[in-house]
Amino acid sequence: MLLAMLFAGCSSHGPLEPGDDAPKNPKDLSGIQDAVPRVEPRSRYGNPESYVVYGKRYYTKSSSAGYTERGIASWYGTKFHGRRTSSGEPYDIYKMTAAHKTLPLPTYAKVTNLRNGRSVVVKINDRGPFHANRIIDLSYAAAARLGIQEHGTGLVEVEAIDPSRTTPSTTARPATAAAPATLFLQVGAFSSRDNAVRLEKRLQSSGLGEIHILEASSTAGPMYRVRIGPLATVNDADRISNSLISQGISDTRVIID
């Protein structure tokens, strides 16, 4: 029963899936308010310690406290309208909701489009998106308010909200100054610089793009991250990720600086 509830509408979120799309005659979205964060118990469904989709295991976070991440957002539409989400609530394309692979359900989060500065507050009540290089799946309404529904994807920042400490305004937020949003694909991270250099040399002949090694500190010592970019579009990141799989490199990660 739990598995049926968990994946009853979240197996492959996104408008690129056959049969999924925006509504033909969409409602006026100007009156749709942000989700209002409130303290509530965890969903009875959708919060297993771990679960597997398409052969990959995901671990549910014990808390959303302090969570902030930049990455690629997608959205899901009419194909899933009315279906149960992983939390058991019905999916409504006109509500400010979202899906995430590992945050506890529910989690409230502020999502900002890094290209235009628009932001919304959503209630994360579903699991997904199970597509490479995506960190959050937005409802149609949330995607439209952020200005990404026509493109299918967008570069965003997701910031979890503690409902016990703040109640953000539920009125529409005007666009602020757009944040820097340069797209890279991280293809490896090593404690040994020699290993990073070996991967760099291996990829230089592939013609996939500019290869960079960035040194960063960690509790375990220096880390050497190998990245490809900057990349012009999300499609470029997807294309390169798919190409790398054939070379035995599947653990890639989109980075937005």
C-alpha atoms as a PDB file:
ATOM      1  CA  MET A   1       0.000   0.000   0.000  1.00  0.00           C
ATOM      2  CA  LEU A   2       2.818   2.389   0.909  1.00  0.00           C
ATOM      3  CA  LEU A   3       4.582   1.907  -2.410  1.00  0.00           C
ATOM      4  CA  ALA A   4       1.355   2.425  -4.295  1.00  0.00           C
ATOM      5  CA  MET A   5       0.747   5.673  -2.436  1.00  0.00           C
ATOM      6  CA  LEU A   6       4.342   6.775  -2.726  1.00  0.00           C
ATOM      7  CA  PHE A   7       4.504   6.577  -6.492  1.00  0.00           C
ATOM      8  CA  ALA A   8       0.905   7.149  -7.470  1.00  0.00           C
ATOM      9  CA  GLY A   9       1.648  10.040  -9.762  1.00  0.00           C
ATOM     10  CA  CYS A  10       5.287  10.862  -9.313  1.00  0.00           C
ATOM     11  CA  SER A  11       7.154   8.319 -11.415  1.00  0.00           C
ATOM     12  CA  SER A  12       8.323  10.696 -14.135  1.00  0.00           C
ATOM     13  CA  HIS A  13       7.094  14.231 -13.553  1.00  0.00           C
ATOM     14  CA  GLY A  14       7.524  16.775 -16.313  1.00  0.00           C
ATOM     15  CA  PRO A  15       5.669  18.147 -19.333  1.00  0.00           C
ATOM     16  CA  LEU A  16       7.958  16.272 -21.708  1.00  0.00           C
ATOM     17  CA  GLU A  17       6.255  13.011 -20.810  1.00  0.00           C
ATOM     18  CA  PRO A  18       3.726  11.952 -23.488  1.00  0.00           C
ATOM     19  CA  GLY A  19       0.253  13.036 -22.522  1.00  0.00           C
ATOM     20  CA  ASP A  20       1.337  15.618 -19.978  1.00  0.00           C
ATOM     21  CA  ASP A  21       0.868  19.299 -20.736  1.00  0.00           C
ATOM     22  CA  ALA A  22      -0.505  22.631 -19.591  1.00  0.00           C
ATOM     23  CA  PRO A  23      -4.308  23.027 -19.453  1.00  0.00           C
ATOM     24  CA  LYS A  24      -5.857  23.974 -22.797  1.00  0.00           C
ATOM     25  CA  ASN A  25      -7.882  26.787 -21.249  1.00  0.00           C
ATOM     26  CA  PRO A  26      -5.928  27.756 -18.137  1.00  0.00           C
ATOM     27  CA  LYS A  27      -7.500  29.698 -15.309  1.00  0.00           C
ATOM     28  CA  ASP A  28      -6.378  33.190 -14.418  1.00  0.00           C
ATOM     29  CA  LEU A  29      -3.434  32.636 -12.075  1.00  0.00           C
ATOM     30  CA  SER A  30      -3.229  36.172 -10.733  1.00  0.00           C
ATOM     31  CA  GLY A  31      -5.405  35.346  -7.735  1.00  0.00           C
ATOM     32  CA  ILE A  32      -3.592  32.161  -6.739  1.00  0.00           C
ATOM     33  CA  GLN A  33      -1.700  32.760  -3.523  1.00  0.00           C
ATOM     34  CA  ASP A  34       1.510  31.212  -2.308  1.00  0.00           C
ATOM     35  CA  ALA A  35       1.302  28.236  -0.004  1.00  0.00           C
ATOM     36  CA  VAL A  36       1.032  29.388   3.618  1.00  0.00           C
ATOM     37  CA  PRO A  37       3.604  27.613   5.803  1.00  0.00           C
ATOM     38  CA  ARG A  38       2.148  26.073   8.923  1.00  0.00           C
ATOM     39  CA  VAL A  39       3.306  23.544  11.450  1.00  0.00           C
ATOM     40  CA  GLU A  40       1.798  20.148  10.697  1.00  0.00           C
ATOM     41  CA  PRO A  41       2.694  16.509  11.307  1.00  0.00           C
ATOM     42  CA  ARG A  42       4.609  14.515   8.781  1.00  0.00           C
ATOM     43  CA  SER A  43       2.563  12.791   6.168  1.00  0.00           C
ATOM     44  CA  ARG A  44       1.611   9.229   7.032  1.00  0.00           C
ATOM     45  CA  TYR A  45       2.651   8.286   3.505  1.00  0.00           C
ATOM     46  CA  GLY A  46       5.663   9.288   1.455  1.00  0.00           C
ATOM     47  CA  ASN A  47       8.273   9.373   4.220  1.00  0.00           C
ATOM     48  CA  PRO A  48       9.948   5.962   4.186  1.00  0.00           C
ATOM     49  CA  GLU A  49      13.530   5.811   5.417  1.00  0.00           C
ATOM     50  CA  SER A  50      14.507   4.998   1.838  1.00  0.00           C
ATOM     51  CA  TYR A  51      12.940   3.902  -1.443  1.00  0.00           C
ATOM     52  CA  VAL A  52      14.042   2.805  -4.907  1.00  0.00           C
ATOM     53  CA  VAL A  53      12.979   4.225  -8.279  1.00  0.00           C
ATOM     54  CA  TYR A  54      14.484   3.073 -11.592  1.00  0.00           C
ATOM     55  CA  GLY A  55      17.138   1.121  -9.695  1.00  0.00           C
ATOM     56  CA  LYS A  56      18.358   4.089  -7.640  1.00  0.00           C
ATOM     57  CA  ARG A  57      17.878   4.334  -3.895  1.00  0.00           C
ATOM     58  CA  TYR A  58      16.838   7.624  -2.301  1.00  0.00           C
ATOM     59  CA  TYR A  59      17.061   8.425   1.425  1.00  0.00           C
ATOM     60  CA  THR A  60      14.459  10.681   3.020  1.00  0.00           C
ATOM     61  CA  LYS A  61      16.037  13.521   4.997  1.00  0.00           C
ATOM     62  CA  SER A  62      15.303  13.563   8.702  1.00  0.00           C
ATOM     63  CA  SER A  63      14.760  17.320   8.584  1.00  0.00           C
ATOM     64  CA  SER A  64      14.507  20.168   6.084  1.00  0.00           C
ATOM     65  CA  ALA A  65      16.237  22.607   8.446  1.00  0.00           C
ATOM     66  CA  GLY A  66      18.897  24.635   6.684  1.00  0.00           C
ATOM     67  CA  TYR A  67      18.220  23.109   3.275  1.00  0.00           C
ATOM     68  CA  THR A  68      19.172  25.382   0.362  1.00  0.00           C
ATOM     69  CA  GLU A  69      20.079  24.160  -3.108  1.00  0.00           C
ATOM     70  CA  ARG A  70      20.429  25.536  -6.602  1.00  0.00           C
ATOM     71  CA  GLY A  71      19.594  23.425  -9.614  1.00  0.00           C
ATOM     72  CA  ILE A  72      17.125  22.738 -12.398  1.00  0.00           C
ATOM     73  CA  ALA A  73      13.374  22.771 -11.817  1.00  0.00           C
ATOM     74  CA  SER A  74      10.823  21.017 -14.017  1.00  0.00           C
ATOM     75  CA  TRP A  75       7.026  20.919 -13.723  1.00  0.00           C
ATOM     76  CA  TYR A  76       4.129  18.513 -14.128  1.00  0.00           C
ATOM     77  CA  GLY A  77       0.689  19.179 -15.491  1.00  0.00           C
ATOM     78  CA  THR A  78      -2.660  17.828 -16.580  1.00  0.00           C
ATOM     79  CA  LYS A  79      -1.696  14.155 -16.822  1.00  0.00           C
ATOM     80  CA  PHE A  80      -1.328  14.014 -13.040  1.00  0.00           C
ATOM     81  CA  HIS A  81      -4.170  16.392 -12.129  1.00  0.00           C
ATOM     82  CA  GLY A  82      -6.415  14.737  -9.539  1.00  0.00           C
ATOM     83  CA  ARG A  83      -4.056  11.843  -8.854  1.00  0.00           C
ATOM     84  CA  ARG A  84      -2.828  11.165  -5.359  1.00  0.00           C
ATOM     85  CA  THR A  85       0.559  12.577  -4.508  1.00  0.00           C
ATOM     86  CA  SER A  86       3.044  10.666  -2.385  1.00  0.00           C
ATOM     87  CA  SER A  87       1.616  12.336   0.736  1.00  0.00           C
ATOM     88  CA  GLY A  88      -1.888  11.161  -0.159  1.00  0.00           C
ATOM     89  CA  GLU A  89      -3.193  14.602  -1.126  1.00  0.00           C
ATOM     90  CA  PRO A  90      -4.639  14.966  -4.633  1.00  0.00           C
ATOM     91  CA  TYR A  91      -2.446  16.839  -7.090  1.00  0.00           C
ATOM     92  CA  ASP A  92      -4.003  20.107  -8.252  1.00  0.00           C
ATOM     93  CA  ILE A  93      -2.290  21.987 -11.079  1.00  0.00           C
ATOM     94  CA  TYR A  94      -3.687  25.248  -9.659  1.00  0.00           C
ATOM     95  CA  LYS A  95      -2.206  24.889  -6.170  1.00  0.00           C
ATOM     96  CA  MET A  96       1.271  26.015  -5.161  1.00  0.00           C
ATOM     97  CA  THR A  97       2.855  22.633  -4.575  1.00  0.00           C
ATOM     98  CA  ALA A  98       5.951  20.715  -5.618  1.00  0.00           C
ATOM     99  CA  ALA A  99       7.707  17.366  -5.553  1.00  0.00           C
ATOM    100  CA  HIS A 100      11.158  16.585  -4.170  1.00  0.00           C
ATOM    101  CA  LYS A 101      13.076  13.333  -3.947  1.00  0.00           C
ATOM    102  CA  THR A 102      14.356  13.492  -0.366  1.00  0.00           C
ATOM    103  CA  LEU A 103      12.893  16.358   1.698  1.00  0.00           C
ATOM    104  CA  PRO A 104      10.394  15.239   4.350  1.00  0.00           C
ATOM    105  CA  LEU A 105       6.718  15.574   3.428  1.00  0.00           C
ATOM    106  CA  PRO A 106       5.413  18.134   3.936  1.00  0.00           C
ATOM    107  CA  THR A 107       8.112  20.783   3.590  1.00  0.00           C
ATOM    108  CA  TYR A 108       7.438  24.399   2.732  1.00  0.00           C
ATOM    109  CA  ALA A 109      10.006  26.093   0.522  1.00  0.00           C
ATOM    110  CA  LYS A 110      10.705  29.341  -1.256  1.00  0.00           C
ATOM    111  CA  VAL A 111      11.611  28.758  -4.906  1.00  0.00           C
ATOM    112  CA  THR A 112      13.319  31.539  -6.862  1.00  0.00           C
ATOM    113  CA  ASN A 113      13.834  31.679 -10.618  1.00  0.00           C
ATOM    114  CA  LEU A 114      17.465  32.718 -10.930  1.00  0.00           C
ATOM    115  CA  ARG A 115      16.931  34.093 -14.427  1.00  0.00           C
ATOM    116  CA  ASN A 116      14.243  36.655 -13.590  1.00  0.00           C
ATOM    117  CA  GLY A 117      14.242  36.971  -9.795  1.00  0.00           C
ATOM    118  CA  ARG A 118      10.611  35.843  -9.337  1.00  0.00           C
ATOM    119  CA  SER A 119       9.842  33.708  -6.291  1.00  0.00           C
ATOM    120  CA  VAL A 120       6.979  31.640  -4.890  1.00  0.00           C
ATOM    121  CA  VAL A 121       6.312  29.631  -1.742  1.00  0.00           C
ATOM    122  CA  VAL A 122       5.242  26.040  -2.314  1.00  0.00           C
ATOM    123  CA  LYS A 123       4.214  23.069  -0.210  1.00  0.00           C
ATOM    124  CA  ILE A 124       6.289  20.010  -1.095  1.00  0.00           C
ATOM    125  CA  ASN A 125       3.868  17.094  -0.828  1.00  0.00           C
ATOM    126  CA  ASP A 126       5.066  14.691  -3.518  1.00  0.00           C
ATOM    127  CA  ARG A 127       8.084  12.676  -4.658  1.00  0.00           C
ATOM    128  CA  GLY A 128      10.015  13.364  -7.839  1.00  0.00           C
ATOM    129  CA  PRO A 129      11.283  14.381 -10.290  1.00  0.00           C
ATOM    130  CA  PHE A 130      12.980  11.109 -11.225  1.00  0.00           C
ATOM    131  CA  HIS A 131      14.839  12.641 -14.146  1.00  0.00           C
ATOM    132  CA  ALA A 132      18.572  13.281 -14.256  1.00  0.00           C
ATOM    133  CA  ASN A 133      19.721  16.788 -13.321  1.00  0.00           C
ATOM    134  CA  ARG A 134      16.426  17.927 -11.762  1.00  0.00           C
ATOM    135  CA  ILE A 135      16.057  18.940  -8.105  1.00  0.00           C
ATOM    136  CA  ILE A 136      12.377  19.917  -7.845  1.00  0.00           C
ATOM    137  CA  ASP A 137       9.143  19.400  -9.786  1.00  0.00           C
ATOM    138  CA  LEU A 138       6.694  22.304  -9.597  1.00  0.00           C
ATOM    139  CA  SER A 139       2.963  22.392 -10.066  1.00  0.00           C
ATOM    140  CA  TYR A 140       1.754  24.090 -13.235  1.00  0.00           C
ATOM    141  CA  ALA A 141       0.666  27.154 -11.245  1.00  0.00           C
ATOM    142  CA  ALA A 142       4.022  27.514  -9.494  1.00  0.00           C
ATOM    143  CA  ALA A 143       5.929  27.077 -12.755  1.00  0.00           C
ATOM    144  CA  ALA A 144       3.738  29.639 -14.494  1.00  0.00           C
ATOM    145  CA  ARG A 145       4.208  32.172 -11.711  1.00  0.00           C
ATOM    146  CA  LEU A 146       7.965  31.711 -11.965  1.00  0.00           C
ATOM    147  CA  GLY A 147       7.890  32.024 -15.746  1.00  0.00           C
ATOM    148  CA  ILE A 148       9.306  28.601 -16.596  1.00  0.00           C
ATOM    149  CA  GLN A 149       6.244  26.689 -17.800  1.00  0.00           C
ATOM    150  CA  GLU A 150       6.820  27.580 -21.465  1.00  0.00           C
ATOM    151  CA  HIS A 151      10.418  26.368 -21.358  1.00  0.00           C
ATOM    152  CA  GLY A 152       9.745  23.187 -19.399  1.00  0.00           C
ATOM    153  CA  THR A 153      12.681  23.799 -17.058  1.00  0.00           C
ATOM    154  CA  GLY A 154      14.343  26.664 -15.236  1.00  0.00           C
ATOM    155  CA  LEU A 155      17.336  27.444 -13.040  1.00  0.00           C
ATOM    156  CA  VAL A 156      16.156  27.908  -9.477  1.00  0.00           C
ATOM    157  CA  GLU A 157      17.162  28.180  -5.858  1.00  0.00           C
ATOM    158  CA  VAL A 158      15.132  26.162  -3.348  1.00  0.00           C
ATOM    159  CA  GLU A 159      15.177  27.262   0.286  1.00  0.00           C
ATOM    160  CA  ALA A 160      13.289  25.341   2.976  1.00  0.00           C
ATOM    161  CA  ILE A 161      11.106  27.414   5.329  1.00  0.00           C
ATOM    162  CA  ASP A 162      10.688  26.789   9.052  1.00  0.00           C
ATOM    163  CA  PRO A 163       6.943  27.408   9.555  1.00  0.00           C
ATOM    164  CA  SER A 164       7.395  27.748  13.315  1.00  0.00           C
ATOM    165  CA  ARG A 165       9.526  30.850  12.864  1.00  0.00           C
ATOM    166  CA  THR A 166       8.090  32.734   9.925  1.00  0.00           C
ATOM    167  CA  THR A 167       4.964  33.104   7.838  1.00  0.00           C
ATOM    168  CA  PRO A 168       5.900  34.627   4.485  1.00  0.00           C
ATOM    169  CA  SER A 169       3.472  36.894   2.666  1.00  0.00           C
ATOM    170  CA  THR A 170       1.049  34.973   0.485  1.00  0.00           C
ATOM    171  CA  THR A 171       0.716  37.748  -2.075  1.00  0.00           C
ATOM    172  CA  ALA A 172       2.386  37.530  -5.456  1.00  0.00           C
ATOM    173  CA  ARG A 173       6.044  38.529  -5.384  1.00  0.00           C
ATOM    174  CA  PRO A 174       7.329  40.934  -8.039  1.00  0.00           C
ATOM    175  CA  ALA A 175      10.545  40.071  -9.777  1.00  0.00           C
ATOM    176  CA  THR A 176      13.693  41.275  -8.080  1.00  0.00           C
ATOM    177  CA  ALA A 177      17.142  41.614  -9.576  1.00  0.00           C
ATOM    178  CA  ALA A 178      18.045  38.306 -11.193  1.00  0.00           C
ATOM    179  CA  ALA A 179      20.797  36.390  -9.475  1.00  0.00           C
ATOM    180  CA  PRO A 180      23.886  35.099 -11.241  1.00  0.00           C
ATOM    181  CA  ALA A 181      23.080  31.748 -12.790  1.00  0.00           C
ATOM    182  CA  THR A 182      25.922  30.059 -14.643  1.00  0.00           C
ATOM    183  CA  LEU A 183      25.378  26.384 -15.412  1.00  0.00           C
ATOM    184  CA  PHE A 184      28.058  23.710 -15.018  1.00  0.00           C
ATOM    185  CA  LEU A 185      28.022  19.919 -14.919  1.00  0.00           C
ATOM    186  CA  GLN A 186      30.121  18.348 -12.183  1.00  0.00           C
ATOM    187  CA  VAL A 187      31.416  14.968 -13.303  1.00  0.00           C
ATOM    188  CA  GLY A 188      33.653  13.990 -10.423  1.00  0.00           C
ATOM    189  CA  ALA A 189      34.984  14.961  -6.990  1.00  0.00           C
ATOM    190  CA  PHE A 190      38.256  13.582  -5.622  1.00  0.00           C
ATOM    191  CA  SER A 191      40.433  13.903  -2.556  1.00  0.00           C
ATOM    192  CA  SER A 192      43.433  13.302  -4.848  1.00  0.00           C
ATOM    193  CA  ARG A 193      44.328  15.992  -7.381  1.00  0.00           C
ATOM    194  CA  ASP A 194      46.042  13.341  -9.519  1.00  0.00           C
ATOM    195  CA  ASN A 195      42.718  11.517  -9.948  1.00  0.00           C
ATOM    196  CA  ALA A 196      41.013  14.762 -10.907  1.00  0.00           C
ATOM    197  CA  VAL A 197      43.715  15.500 -13.473  1.00  0.00           C
ATOM    198  CA  ARG A 198      43.377  12.016 -14.950  1.00  0.00           C
ATOM    199  CA  LEU A 199      39.642  12.542 -15.453  1.00  0.00           C
ATOM    200  CA  GLU A 200      40.283  16.010 -16.892  1.00  0.00           C
ATOM    201  CA  LYS A 201      42.680  14.593 -19.478  1.00  0.00           C
ATOM    202  CA  ARG A 202      40.279  11.782 -20.306  1.00  0.00           C
ATOM    203  CA  LEU A 203      37.465  14.255 -20.996  1.00  0.00           C
ATOM    204  CA  GLN A 204      39.498  16.818 -22.898  1.00  0.00           C
ATOM    205  CA  SER A 205      39.522  14.628 -25.993  1.00  0.00           C
ATOM    206  CA  SER A 206      35.763  14.071 -25.859  1.00  0.00           C
ATOM    207  CA  GLY A 207      34.825  17.499 -27.173  1.00  0.00           C
ATOM    208  CA  LEU A 208      32.093  17.921 -24.568  1.00  0.00           C
ATOM    209  CA  GLY A 209      33.158  21.405 -23.516  1.00  0.00           C
ATOM    210  CA  GLU A 210      35.622  23.248 -21.309  1.00  0.00           C
ATOM    211  CA  ILE A 211      36.968  21.174 -18.421  1.00  0.00           C
ATOM    212  CA  HIS A 212      37.813  22.808 -15.080  1.00  0.00           C
ATOM    213  CA  ILE A 213      39.265  21.558 -11.804  1.00  0.00           C
ATOM    214  CA  LEU A 214      38.173  23.493  -8.724  1.00  0.00           C
ATOM    215  CA  GLU A 215      39.778  23.017  -5.342  1.00  0.00           C
ATOM    216  CA  ALA A 216      37.521  23.283  -2.297  1.00  0.00           C
ATOM    217  CA  SER A 217      38.027  22.571   1.382  1.00  0.00           C
ATOM    218  CA  SER A 218      36.075  19.983   3.349  1.00  0.00           C
ATOM    219  CA  THR A 219      36.193  18.469   6.827  1.00  0.00           C
ATOM    220  CA  ALA A 220      38.202  15.604   5.354  1.00  0.00           C
ATOM    221  CA  GLY A 221      40.680  17.920   3.617  1.00  0.00           C
ATOM    222  CA  PRO A 222      40.901  19.418   0.106  1.00  0.00           C
ATOM    223  CA  MET A 223      38.522  18.214  -2.602  1.00  0.00           C
ATOM    224  CA  TYR A 224      39.099  18.545  -6.337  1.00  0.00           C
ATOM    225  CA  ARG A 225      35.935  18.891  -8.374  1.00  0.00           C
ATOM    226  CA  VAL A 226      35.920  18.321 -12.121  1.00  0.00           C
ATOM    227  CA  ARG A 227      33.349  20.368 -14.026  1.00  0.00           C
ATOM    228  CA  ILE A 228      32.285  20.919 -17.620  1.00  0.00           C
ATOM    229  CA  GLY A 229      31.044  24.354 -18.618  1.00  0.00           C
ATOM    230  CA  PRO A 230      29.790  26.960 -18.550  1.00  0.00           C
ATOM    231  CA  LEU A 231      26.835  25.482 -20.439  1.00  0.00           C
ATOM    232  CA  ALA A 232      24.318  27.557 -22.377  1.00  0.00           C
ATOM    233  CA  THR A 233      21.161  25.510 -21.731  1.00  0.00           C
ATOM    234  CA  VAL A 234      19.622  22.725 -19.668  1.00  0.00           C
ATOM    235  CA  ASN A 235      19.485  20.668 -22.859  1.00  0.00           C
ATOM    236  CA  ASP A 236      23.280  20.894 -23.060  1.00  0.00           C
ATOM    237  CA  ALA A 237      23.564  19.513 -19.525  1.00  0.00           C
ATOM    238  CA  ASP A 238      21.188  16.655 -20.377  1.00  0.00           C
ATOM    239  CA  ARG A 239      23.009  15.871 -23.626  1.00  0.00           C
ATOM    240  CA  ILE A 240      26.407  15.748 -21.951  1.00  0.00           C
ATOM    241  CA  SER A 241      25.094  13.671 -19.041  1.00  0.00           C
ATOM    242  CA  ASN A 242      23.675  11.100 -21.469  1.00  0.00           C
ATOM    243  CA  SER A 243      26.929  11.026 -23.416  1.00  0.00           C
ATOM    244  CA  LEU A 244      28.957  10.430 -20.258  1.00  0.00           C
ATOM    245  CA  ILE A 245      26.860   7.418 -19.286  1.00  0.00           C
ATOM    246  CA  SER A 246      28.277   5.538 -22.280  1.00  0.00           C
ATOM    247  CA  GLN A 247      31.744   6.353 -20.908  1.00  0.00           C
ATOM    248  CA  GLY A 248      30.914   4.875 -17.527  1.00  0.00           C
ATOM    249  CA  ILE A 249      30.293   8.214 -15.788  1.00  0.00           C
ATOM    250  CA  SER A 250      26.765   8.291 -14.414  1.00  0.00           C
ATOM    251  CA  ASP A 251      27.069  10.223 -11.149  1.00  0.00           C
ATOM    252  CA  THR A 252      26.933  13.743 -12.570  1.00  0.00           C
ATOM    253  CA  ARG A 253      25.520  16.818 -10.842  1.00  0.00           C
ATOM    254  CA  VAL A 254      24.336  20.179 -12.120  1.00  0.00           C
ATOM    255  CA  ILE A 255      26.025  23.136 -10.434  1.00  0.00           C
ATOM    256  CA  ILE A 256      24.786  26.727 -10.643  1.00  0.00           C
ATOM    257  CA  ASP A 257      27.275  29.429  -9.682  1.00  0.00           C
END
